[in-house]
Amino acid sequence: KQCLAAYTYHAAGKTLSLGVRVNCINPGITETRLSREFRDLIGHENYDRITRLTGRPGHPEDLAGLAEFLTLGDATWINGVEITVDGGYHAGVIAGWHPE
């Protein structure tokens, strides 16, 4: 994910003069058809701990609203950013209100 964020920062500067905005949505655990494989990959205990701390896994609709907003006229001043959508998990780990 960090490589994609770095690419976002770079591409946003390169395309600015063309009027093209580049942003990155960084999702947390999201229920999709691949969720079972991801849960097996990171381990059931880790998956369950993260979803317990956030109250639930994310859903595609949680990301779709942000993606739609970023494509509409109200977001024209948003460029070159990485937006984390994970129910507060990352912020909680950084700030210490989610014990890791």
PDB file of N, CA and C in Angstrom:
ATOM      1  N   LYS A   1       0.820  -1.192   0.000  1.00  0.00           N
ATOM      2  CA  LYS A   1       0.000   0.000   0.000  1.00  0.00           C
ATOM      3  C   LYS A   1       0.862   1.253   0.000  1.00  0.00           C
ATOM      4  N   GLN A   2       2.012   1.207   0.636  1.00  0.00           N
ATOM      5  CA  GLN A   2       2.858   2.394   0.688  1.00  0.00           C
ATOM      6  C   GLN A   2       3.439   2.739  -0.678  1.00  0.00           C
ATOM      7  N   CYS A   3       3.691   1.737  -1.504  1.00  0.00           N
ATOM      8  CA  CYS A   3       4.163   2.014  -2.866  1.00  0.00           C
ATOM      9  C   CYS A   3       3.085   2.745  -3.660  1.00  0.00           C
ATOM     10  N   LEU A   4       1.852   2.335  -3.491  1.00  0.00           N
ATOM     11  CA  LEU A   4       0.753   3.006  -4.182  1.00  0.00           C
ATOM     12  C   LEU A   4       0.601   4.440  -3.687  1.00  0.00           C
ATOM     13  N   ALA A   5       0.774   4.656  -2.398  1.00  0.00           N
ATOM     14  CA  ALA A   5       0.701   6.017  -1.854  1.00  0.00           C
ATOM     15  C   ALA A   5       1.819   6.879  -2.435  1.00  0.00           C
ATOM     16  N   ALA A   6       3.036   6.353  -2.500  1.00  0.00           N
ATOM     17  CA  ALA A   6       4.156   7.103  -3.069  1.00  0.00           C
ATOM     18  C   ALA A   6       3.895   7.420  -4.537  1.00  0.00           C
ATOM     19  N   TYR A   7       3.356   6.463  -5.271  1.00  0.00           N
ATOM     20  CA  TYR A   7       3.010   6.705  -6.672  1.00  0.00           C
ATOM     21  C   TYR A   7       1.953   7.802  -6.775  1.00  0.00           C
ATOM     22  N   THR A   8       0.992   7.800  -5.874  1.00  0.00           N
ATOM     23  CA  THR A   8      -0.060   8.820  -5.864  1.00  0.00           C
ATOM     24  C   THR A   8       0.543  10.209  -5.723  1.00  0.00           C
ATOM     25  N   TYR A   9       1.452  10.381  -4.774  1.00  0.00           N
ATOM     26  CA  TYR A   9       2.080  11.687  -4.562  1.00  0.00           C
ATOM     27  C   TYR A   9       2.818  12.135  -5.820  1.00  0.00           C
ATOM     28  N   HIS A  10       3.561  11.225  -6.413  1.00  0.00           N
ATOM     29  CA  HIS A  10       4.339  11.532  -7.614  1.00  0.00           C
ATOM     30  C   HIS A  10       3.423  11.866  -8.795  1.00  0.00           C
ATOM     31  N   ALA A  11       2.444  11.008  -9.034  1.00  0.00           N
ATOM     32  CA  ALA A  11       1.547  11.200 -10.182  1.00  0.00           C
ATOM     33  C   ALA A  11       0.713  12.466 -10.045  1.00  0.00           C
ATOM     34  N   ALA A  12       0.334  12.816  -8.828  1.00  0.00           N
ATOM     35  CA  ALA A  12      -0.468  14.028  -8.619  1.00  0.00           C
ATOM     36  C   ALA A  12       0.292  15.262  -9.085  1.00  0.00           C
ATOM     37  N   GLY A  13       1.580  15.299  -8.838  1.00  0.00           N
ATOM     38  CA  GLY A  13       2.392  16.427  -9.289  1.00  0.00           C
ATOM     39  C   GLY A  13       2.595  16.427 -10.790  1.00  0.00           C
ATOM     40  N   LYS A  14       2.777  15.252 -11.360  1.00  0.00           N
ATOM     41  CA  LYS A  14       3.011  15.139 -12.804  1.00  0.00           C
ATOM     42  C   LYS A  14       1.784  15.502 -13.630  1.00  0.00           C
ATOM     43  N   THR A  15       0.598  15.252 -13.104  1.00  0.00           N
ATOM     44  CA  THR A  15      -0.627  15.468 -13.887  1.00  0.00           C
ATOM     45  C   THR A  15      -1.358  16.754 -13.522  1.00  0.00           C
ATOM     46  N   LEU A  16      -0.836  17.494 -12.567  1.00  0.00           N
ATOM     47  CA  LEU A  16      -1.497  18.710 -12.099  1.00  0.00           C
ATOM     48  C   LEU A  16      -1.737  19.705 -13.231  1.00  0.00           C
ATOM     49  N   SER A  17      -0.741  19.918 -14.078  1.00  0.00           N
ATOM     50  CA  SER A  17      -0.885  20.895 -15.166  1.00  0.00           C
ATOM     51  C   SER A  17      -1.906  20.453 -16.210  1.00  0.00           C
ATOM     52  N   LEU A  18      -2.252  19.179 -16.204  1.00  0.00           N
ATOM     53  CA  LEU A  18      -3.248  18.652 -17.146  1.00  0.00           C
ATOM     54  C   LEU A  18      -4.656  18.705 -16.568  1.00  0.00           C
ATOM     55  N   GLY A  19      -4.772  19.115 -15.320  1.00  0.00           N
ATOM     56  CA  GLY A  19      -6.079  19.155 -14.666  1.00  0.00           C
ATOM     57  C   GLY A  19      -6.542  17.799 -14.179  1.00  0.00           C
ATOM     58  N   VAL A  20      -5.617  16.861 -14.069  1.00  0.00           N
ATOM     59  CA  VAL A  20      -5.948  15.512 -13.616  1.00  0.00           C
ATOM     60  C   VAL A  20      -5.533  15.379 -12.152  1.00  0.00           C
ATOM     61  N   ARG A  21      -6.468  14.968 -11.311  1.00  0.00           N
ATOM     62  CA  ARG A  21      -6.195  14.745  -9.897  1.00  0.00           C
ATOM     63  C   ARG A  21      -5.956  13.258  -9.653  1.00  0.00           C
ATOM     64  N   VAL A  22      -5.025  12.963  -8.769  1.00  0.00           N
ATOM     65  CA  VAL A  22      -4.708  11.578  -8.428  1.00  0.00           C
ATOM     66  C   VAL A  22      -4.744  11.442  -6.910  1.00  0.00           C
ATOM     67  N   ASN A  23      -5.601  10.564  -6.427  1.00  0.00           N
ATOM     68  CA  ASN A  23      -5.737  10.304  -4.999  1.00  0.00           C
ATOM     69  C   ASN A  23      -5.748   8.799  -4.765  1.00  0.00           C
ATOM     70  N   CYS A  24      -5.550   8.404  -3.530  1.00  0.00           N
ATOM     71  CA  CYS A  24      -5.463   6.991  -3.186  1.00  0.00           C
ATOM     72  C   CYS A  24      -6.396   6.682  -2.022  1.00  0.00           C
ATOM     73  N   ILE A  25      -7.268   5.716  -2.199  1.00  0.00           N
ATOM     74  CA  ILE A  25      -8.104   5.228  -1.103  1.00  0.00           C
ATOM     75  C   ILE A  25      -7.424   3.983  -0.543  1.00  0.00           C
ATOM     76  N   ASN A  26      -7.104   4.030   0.732  1.00  0.00           N
ATOM     77  CA  ASN A  26      -6.397   2.953   1.408  1.00  0.00           C
ATOM     78  C   ASN A  26      -7.386   2.225   2.324  1.00  0.00           C
ATOM     79  N   PRO A  27      -7.972   1.126   1.853  1.00  0.00           N
ATOM     80  CA  PRO A  27      -8.996   0.456   2.660  1.00  0.00           C
ATOM     81  C   PRO A  27      -8.405  -0.429   3.749  1.00  0.00           C
ATOM     82  N   GLY A  28      -9.140  -0.540   4.832  1.00  0.00           N
ATOM     83  CA  GLY A  28      -8.826  -1.533   5.850  1.00  0.00           C
ATOM     84  C   GLY A  28      -9.478  -2.850   5.446  1.00  0.00           C
ATOM     85  N   ILE A  29      -9.666  -3.729   6.395  1.00  0.00           N
ATOM     86  CA  ILE A  29     -10.304  -5.013   6.106  1.00  0.00           C
ATOM     87  C   ILE A  29     -11.713  -4.755   5.590  1.00  0.00           C
ATOM     88  N   THR A  30     -11.982  -5.258   4.393  1.00  0.00           N
ATOM     89  CA  THR A  30     -13.264  -5.034   3.729  1.00  0.00           C
ATOM     90  C   THR A  30     -13.834  -6.376   3.291  1.00  0.00           C
ATOM     91  N   GLU A  31     -15.082  -6.636   3.634  1.00  0.00           N
ATOM     92  CA  GLU A  31     -15.742  -7.889   3.256  1.00  0.00           C
ATOM     93  C   GLU A  31     -15.985  -7.922   1.750  1.00  0.00           C
ATOM     94  N   THR A  32     -15.308  -8.835   1.100  1.00  0.00           N
ATOM     95  CA  THR A  32     -15.499  -9.071  -0.335  1.00  0.00           C
ATOM     96  C   THR A  32     -15.424 -10.576  -0.559  1.00  0.00           C
ATOM     97  N   ARG A  33     -15.480 -10.977  -1.801  1.00  0.00           N
ATOM     98  CA  ARG A  33     -15.386 -12.412  -2.085  1.00  0.00           C
ATOM     99  C   ARG A  33     -13.993 -12.962  -1.768  1.00  0.00           C
ATOM    100  N   LEU A  34     -12.999 -12.073  -1.588  1.00  0.00           N
ATOM    101  CA  LEU A  34     -11.645 -12.505  -1.249  1.00  0.00           C
ATOM    102  C   LEU A  34     -11.369 -12.497   0.254  1.00  0.00           C
ATOM    103  N   SER A  35     -12.355 -12.120   1.051  1.00  0.00           N
ATOM    104  CA  SER A  35     -12.146 -11.990   2.499  1.00  0.00           C
ATOM    105  C   SER A  35     -11.667 -13.278   3.151  1.00  0.00           C
ATOM    106  N   ARG A  36     -12.215 -14.388   2.752  1.00  0.00           N
ATOM    107  CA  ARG A  36     -11.824 -15.666   3.356  1.00  0.00           C
ATOM    108  C   ARG A  36     -10.343 -15.950   3.103  1.00  0.00           C
ATOM    109  N   GLU A  37      -9.880 -15.696   1.869  1.00  0.00           N
ATOM    110  CA  GLU A  37      -8.469 -15.916   1.551  1.00  0.00           C
ATOM    111  C   GLU A  37      -7.576 -14.971   2.354  1.00  0.00           C
ATOM    112  N   PHE A  38      -8.004 -13.714   2.489  1.00  0.00           N
ATOM    113  CA  PHE A  38      -7.223 -12.745   3.252  1.00  0.00           C
ATOM    114  C   PHE A  38      -7.171 -13.135   4.723  1.00  0.00           C
ATOM    115  N   ARG A  39      -8.283 -13.590   5.248  1.00  0.00           N
ATOM    116  CA  ARG A  39      -8.337 -14.024   6.652  1.00  0.00           C
ATOM    117  C   ARG A  39      -7.390 -15.197   6.871  1.00  0.00           C
ATOM    118  N   ASP A  40      -7.353 -16.124   5.926  1.00  0.00           N
ATOM    119  CA  ASP A  40      -6.427 -17.251   6.025  1.00  0.00           C
ATOM    120  C   ASP A  40      -4.978 -16.770   5.945  1.00  0.00           C
ATOM    121  N   LEU A  41      -4.725 -15.768   5.114  1.00  0.00           N
ATOM    122  CA  LEU A  41      -3.376 -15.246   4.921  1.00  0.00           C
ATOM    123  C   LEU A  41      -2.842 -14.562   6.179  1.00  0.00           C
ATOM    124  N   ILE A  42      -3.631 -13.691   6.790  1.00  0.00           N
ATOM    125  CA  ILE A  42      -3.142 -12.957   7.972  1.00  0.00           C
ATOM    126  C   ILE A  42      -3.425 -13.695   9.273  1.00  0.00           C
ATOM    127  N   GLY A  43      -4.216 -14.733   9.193  1.00  0.00           N
ATOM    128  CA  GLY A  43      -4.559 -15.510  10.382  1.00  0.00           C
ATOM    129  C   GLY A  43      -5.886 -15.066  10.966  1.00  0.00           C
ATOM    130  N   HIS A  44      -6.685 -16.028  11.342  1.00  0.00           N
ATOM    131  CA  HIS A  44      -8.021 -15.745  11.875  1.00  0.00           C
ATOM    132  C   HIS A  44      -7.951 -14.862  13.118  1.00  0.00           C
ATOM    133  N   GLU A  45      -6.948 -15.102  13.961  1.00  0.00           N
ATOM    134  CA  GLU A  45      -6.829 -14.310  15.195  1.00  0.00           C
ATOM    135  C   GLU A  45      -6.596 -12.827  14.874  1.00  0.00           C
ATOM    136  N   ASN A  46      -5.699 -12.538  13.932  1.00  0.00           N
ATOM    137  CA  ASN A  46      -5.439 -11.142  13.548  1.00  0.00           C
ATOM    138  C   ASN A  46      -6.663 -10.500  12.909  1.00  0.00           C
ATOM    139  N   TYR A  47      -7.292 -11.217  11.998  1.00  0.00           N
ATOM    140  CA  TYR A  47      -8.482 -10.700  11.313  1.00  0.00           C
ATOM    141  C   TYR A  47      -9.577 -10.380  12.326  1.00  0.00           C
ATOM    142  N   ASP A  48      -9.827 -11.322  13.222  1.00  0.00           N
ATOM    143  CA  ASP A  48     -10.883 -11.134  14.223  1.00  0.00           C
ATOM    144  C   ASP A  48     -10.552  -9.999  15.190  1.00  0.00           C
ATOM    145  N   ARG A  49      -9.280  -9.840  15.546  1.00  0.00           N
ATOM    146  CA  ARG A  49      -8.877  -8.760  16.448  1.00  0.00           C
ATOM    147  C   ARG A  49      -9.129  -7.405  15.796  1.00  0.00           C
ATOM    148  N   ILE A  50      -8.760  -7.253  14.547  1.00  0.00           N
ATOM    149  CA  ILE A  50      -8.960  -5.979  13.850  1.00  0.00           C
ATOM    150  C   ILE A  50     -10.443  -5.661  13.726  1.00  0.00           C
ATOM    151  N   THR A  51     -11.238  -6.628  13.315  1.00  0.00           N
ATOM    152  CA  THR A  51     -12.671  -6.355  13.153  1.00  0.00           C
ATOM    153  C   THR A  51     -13.362  -6.153  14.499  1.00  0.00           C
ATOM    154  N   ARG A  52     -12.847  -6.759  15.543  1.00  0.00           N
ATOM    155  CA  ARG A  52     -13.406  -6.526  16.884  1.00  0.00           C
ATOM    156  C   ARG A  52     -13.115  -5.089  17.326  1.00  0.00           C
ATOM    157  N   LEU A  53     -11.906  -4.609  17.078  1.00  0.00           N
ATOM    158  CA  LEU A  53     -11.530  -3.251  17.473  1.00  0.00           C
ATOM    159  C   LEU A  53     -12.309  -2.188  16.707  1.00  0.00           C
ATOM    160  N   THR A  54     -12.623  -2.457  15.441  1.00  0.00           N
ATOM    161  CA  THR A  54     -13.348  -1.471  14.630  1.00  0.00           C
ATOM    162  C   THR A  54     -14.857  -1.673  14.690  1.00  0.00           C
ATOM    163  N   GLY A  55     -15.299  -2.743  15.309  1.00  0.00           N
ATOM    164  CA  GLY A  55     -16.727  -3.002  15.426  1.00  0.00           C
ATOM    165  C   GLY A  55     -17.281  -3.890  14.333  1.00  0.00           C
ATOM    166  N   ARG A  56     -16.617  -3.897  13.189  1.00  0.00           N
ATOM    167  CA  ARG A  56     -17.049  -4.732  12.059  1.00  0.00           C
ATOM    168  C   ARG A  56     -16.029  -4.581  10.941  1.00  0.00           C
ATOM    169  N   PRO A  57     -16.051  -5.496   9.984  1.00  0.00           N
ATOM    170  CA  PRO A  57     -15.237  -5.262   8.797  1.00  0.00           C
ATOM    171  C   PRO A  57     -15.904  -4.197   7.930  1.00  0.00           C
ATOM    172  N   GLY A  58     -15.128  -3.593   7.073  1.00  0.00           N
ATOM    173  CA  GLY A  58     -15.699  -2.627   6.142  1.00  0.00           C
ATOM    174  C   GLY A  58     -16.536  -3.330   5.088  1.00  0.00           C
ATOM    175  N   HIS A  59     -17.329  -2.557   4.395  1.00  0.00           N
ATOM    176  CA  HIS A  59     -18.135  -3.051   3.285  1.00  0.00           C
ATOM    177  C   HIS A  59     -17.797  -2.219   2.050  1.00  0.00           C
ATOM    178  N   PRO A  60     -17.939  -2.775   0.868  1.00  0.00           N
ATOM    179  CA  PRO A  60     -17.634  -2.007  -0.340  1.00  0.00           C
ATOM    180  C   PRO A  60     -18.327  -0.644  -0.377  1.00  0.00           C
ATOM    181  N   GLU A  61     -19.532  -0.560   0.172  1.00  0.00           N
ATOM    182  CA  GLU A  61     -20.259   0.720   0.177  1.00  0.00           C
ATOM    183  C   GLU A  61     -19.520   1.779   0.995  1.00  0.00           C
ATOM    184  N   ASP A  62     -18.765   1.349   2.007  1.00  0.00           N
ATOM    185  CA  ASP A  62     -18.001   2.297   2.819  1.00  0.00           C
ATOM    186  C   ASP A  62     -16.948   3.016   1.981  1.00  0.00           C
ATOM    187  N   LEU A  63     -16.451   2.352   0.979  1.00  0.00           N
ATOM    188  CA  LEU A  63     -15.434   2.922   0.097  1.00  0.00           C
ATOM    189  C   LEU A  63     -16.055   3.624  -1.100  1.00  0.00           C
ATOM    190  N   ALA A  64     -17.184   3.120  -1.557  1.00  0.00           N
ATOM    191  CA  ALA A  64     -17.816   3.663  -2.765  1.00  0.00           C
ATOM    192  C   ALA A  64     -18.215   5.121  -2.597  1.00  0.00           C
ATOM    193  N   GLY A  65     -18.723   5.482  -1.432  1.00  0.00           N
ATOM    194  CA  GLY A  65     -19.128   6.867  -1.206  1.00  0.00           C
ATOM    195  C   GLY A  65     -17.959   7.826  -1.322  1.00  0.00           C
ATOM    196  N   LEU A  66     -16.813   7.429  -0.781  1.00  0.00           N
ATOM    197  CA  LEU A  66     -15.621   8.264  -0.883  1.00  0.00           C
ATOM    198  C   LEU A  66     -15.143   8.354  -2.325  1.00  0.00           C
ATOM    199  N   ALA A  67     -15.129   7.225  -3.020  1.00  0.00           N
ATOM    200  CA  ALA A  67     -14.704   7.235  -4.424  1.00  0.00           C
ATOM    201  C   ALA A  67     -15.601   8.148  -5.247  1.00  0.00           C
ATOM    202  N   GLU A  68     -16.891   8.088  -5.005  1.00  0.00           N
ATOM    203  CA  GLU A  68     -17.827   8.956  -5.720  1.00  0.00           C
ATOM    204  C   GLU A  68     -17.553  10.423  -5.391  1.00  0.00           C
ATOM    205  N   PHE A  69     -17.367  10.733  -4.120  1.00  0.00           N
ATOM    206  CA  PHE A  69     -17.083  12.111  -3.717  1.00  0.00           C
ATOM    207  C   PHE A  69     -15.835  12.648  -4.415  1.00  0.00           C
ATOM    208  N   LEU A  70     -14.783  11.820  -4.479  1.00  0.00           N
ATOM    209  CA  LEU A  70     -13.532  12.275  -5.083  1.00  0.00           C
ATOM    210  C   LEU A  70     -13.660  12.558  -6.574  1.00  0.00           C
ATOM    211  N   THR A  71     -14.655  11.981  -7.223  1.00  0.00           N
ATOM    212  CA  THR A  71     -14.829  12.211  -8.661  1.00  0.00           C
ATOM    213  C   THR A  71     -15.756  13.378  -8.966  1.00  0.00           C
ATOM    214  N   LEU A  72     -16.435  13.904  -7.957  1.00  0.00           N
ATOM    215  CA  LEU A  72     -17.401  14.978  -8.182  1.00  0.00           C
ATOM    216  C   LEU A  72     -16.753  16.348  -8.038  1.00  0.00           C
ATOM    217  N   GLY A  73     -17.469  17.370  -8.453  1.00  0.00           N
ATOM    218  CA  GLY A  73     -16.963  18.732  -8.449  1.00  0.00           C
ATOM    219  C   GLY A  73     -16.568  19.281  -7.096  1.00  0.00           C
ATOM    220  N   ASP A  74     -17.187  18.815  -6.020  1.00  0.00           N
ATOM    221  CA  ASP A  74     -16.868  19.339  -4.693  1.00  0.00           C
ATOM    222  C   ASP A  74     -15.466  18.963  -4.223  1.00  0.00           C
ATOM    223  N   ALA A  75     -14.835  18.014  -4.875  1.00  0.00           N
ATOM    224  CA  ALA A  75     -13.523  17.537  -4.431  1.00  0.00           C
ATOM    225  C   ALA A  75     -12.381  18.035  -5.314  1.00  0.00           C
ATOM    226  N   THR A  76     -12.610  19.091  -6.084  1.00  0.00           N
ATOM    227  CA  THR A  76     -11.585  19.533  -7.036  1.00  0.00           C
ATOM    228  C   THR A  76     -10.313  20.048  -6.369  1.00  0.00           C
ATOM    229  N   TRP A  77     -10.347  20.376  -5.109  1.00  0.00           N
ATOM    230  CA  TRP A  77      -9.178  20.882  -4.407  1.00  0.00           C
ATOM    231  C   TRP A  77      -8.437  19.762  -3.673  1.00  0.00           C
ATOM    232  N   ILE A  78      -8.917  18.548  -3.810  1.00  0.00           N
ATOM    233  CA  ILE A  78      -8.271  17.394  -3.178  1.00  0.00           C
ATOM    234  C   ILE A  78      -7.416  16.704  -4.230  1.00  0.00           C
ATOM    235  N   ASN A  79      -6.111  16.697  -4.001  1.00  0.00           N
ATOM    236  CA  ASN A  79      -5.187  16.110  -4.966  1.00  0.00           C
ATOM    237  C   ASN A  79      -3.943  15.602  -4.247  1.00  0.00           C
ATOM    238  N   GLY A  80      -3.520  14.410  -4.618  1.00  0.00           N
ATOM    239  CA  GLY A  80      -2.277  13.864  -4.096  1.00  0.00           C
ATOM    240  C   GLY A  80      -2.357  13.389  -2.659  1.00  0.00           C
ATOM    241  N   VAL A  81      -3.516  12.899  -2.254  1.00  0.00           N
ATOM    242  CA  VAL A  81      -3.661  12.447  -0.873  1.00  0.00           C
ATOM    243  C   VAL A  81      -3.985  10.961  -0.803  1.00  0.00           C
ATOM    244  N   GLU A  82      -3.601  10.388   0.310  1.00  0.00           N
ATOM    245  CA  GLU A  82      -3.938   9.004   0.643  1.00  0.00           C
ATOM    246  C   GLU A  82      -4.973   9.077   1.756  1.00  0.00           C
ATOM    247  N   ILE A  83      -6.138   8.502   1.523  1.00  0.00           N
ATOM    248  CA  ILE A  83      -7.209   8.540   2.514  1.00  0.00           C
ATOM    249  C   ILE A  83      -7.447   7.116   3.015  1.00  0.00           C
ATOM    250  N   THR A  84      -7.239   6.927   4.313  1.00  0.00           N
ATOM    251  CA  THR A  84      -7.423   5.615   4.920  1.00  0.00           C
ATOM    252  C   THR A  84      -8.867   5.467   5.381  1.00  0.00           C
ATOM    253  N   VAL A  85      -9.494   4.372   4.951  1.00  0.00           N
ATOM    254  CA  VAL A  85     -10.881   4.076   5.318  1.00  0.00           C
ATOM    255  C   VAL A  85     -10.864   2.710   6.005  1.00  0.00           C
ATOM    256  N   ASP A  86     -10.747   2.737   7.330  1.00  0.00           N
ATOM    257  CA  ASP A  86     -10.594   1.479   8.066  1.00  0.00           C
ATOM    258  C   ASP A  86     -11.320   1.465   9.405  1.00  0.00           C
ATOM    259  N   GLY A  87     -12.331   2.296   9.542  1.00  0.00           N
ATOM    260  CA  GLY A  87     -13.089   2.326  10.788  1.00  0.00           C
ATOM    261  C   GLY A  87     -12.319   2.904  11.959  1.00  0.00           C
ATOM    262  N   GLY A  88     -11.224   3.588  11.688  1.00  0.00           N
ATOM    263  CA  GLY A  88     -10.418   4.189  12.739  1.00  0.00           C
ATOM    264  C   GLY A  88      -9.304   3.310  13.262  1.00  0.00           C
ATOM    265  N   TYR A  89      -9.119   2.136  12.677  1.00  0.00           N
ATOM    266  CA  TYR A  89      -8.116   1.206  13.193  1.00  0.00           C
ATOM    267  C   TYR A  89      -6.714   1.819  13.213  1.00  0.00           C
ATOM    268  N   HIS A  90      -6.265   2.336  12.078  1.00  0.00           N
ATOM    269  CA  HIS A  90      -4.909   2.887  11.980  1.00  0.00           C
ATOM    270  C   HIS A  90      -4.719   4.056  12.945  1.00  0.00           C
ATOM    271  N   ALA A  91      -5.678   4.960  12.979  1.00  0.00           N
ATOM    272  CA  ALA A  91      -5.587   6.107  13.892  1.00  0.00           C
ATOM    273  C   ALA A  91      -5.516   5.641  15.339  1.00  0.00           C
ATOM    274  N   GLY A  92      -6.288   4.624  15.665  1.00  0.00           N
ATOM    275  CA  GLY A  92      -6.289   4.105  17.024  1.00  0.00           C
ATOM    276  C   GLY A  92      -4.966   3.492  17.422  1.00  0.00           C
ATOM    277  N   VAL A  93      -4.324   2.808  16.492  1.00  0.00           N
ATOM    278  CA  VAL A  93      -3.019   2.218  16.779  1.00  0.00           C
ATOM    279  C   VAL A  93      -1.988   3.327  16.979  1.00  0.00           C
ATOM    280  N   ILE A  94      -1.979   4.318  16.087  1.00  0.00           N
ATOM    281  CA  ILE A  94      -1.017   5.419  16.180  1.00  0.00           C
ATOM    282  C   ILE A  94      -1.232   6.228  17.466  1.00  0.00           C
ATOM    283  N   ALA A  95      -2.477   6.551  17.777  1.00  0.00           N
ATOM    284  CA  ALA A  95      -2.785   7.391  18.941  1.00  0.00           C
ATOM    285  C   ALA A  95      -2.823   6.613  20.253  1.00  0.00           C
ATOM    286  N   GLY A  96      -2.851   5.302  20.151  1.00  0.00           N
ATOM    287  CA  GLY A  96      -2.813   4.485  21.350  1.00  0.00           C
ATOM    288  C   GLY A  96      -4.157   4.110  21.939  1.00  0.00           C
ATOM    289  N   TRP A  97      -5.249   4.447  21.260  1.00  0.00           N
ATOM    290  CA  TRP A  97      -6.536   4.046  21.825  1.00  0.00           C
ATOM    291  C   TRP A  97      -7.000   2.692  21.330  1.00  0.00           C
ATOM    292  N   HIS A  98      -6.261   2.075  20.416  1.00  0.00           N
ATOM    293  CA  HIS A  98      -6.439   0.657  20.083  1.00  0.00           C
ATOM    294  C   HIS A  98      -5.157  -0.037  20.524  1.00  0.00           C
ATOM    295  N   PRO A  99      -5.177  -0.786  21.587  1.00  0.00           N
ATOM    296  CA  PRO A  99      -3.949  -1.484  21.973  1.00  0.00           C
ATOM    297  C   PRO A  99      -3.581  -2.506  20.906  1.00  0.00           C
ATOM    298  N   GLU A 100      -2.391  -2.480  20.458  1.00  0.00           N
ATOM    299  CA  GLU A 100      -1.962  -3.351  19.362  1.00  0.00           C
ATOM    300  C   GLU A 100      -1.366  -4.624  19.893  1.00  0.00           C
TER     301      GLU A 100
END
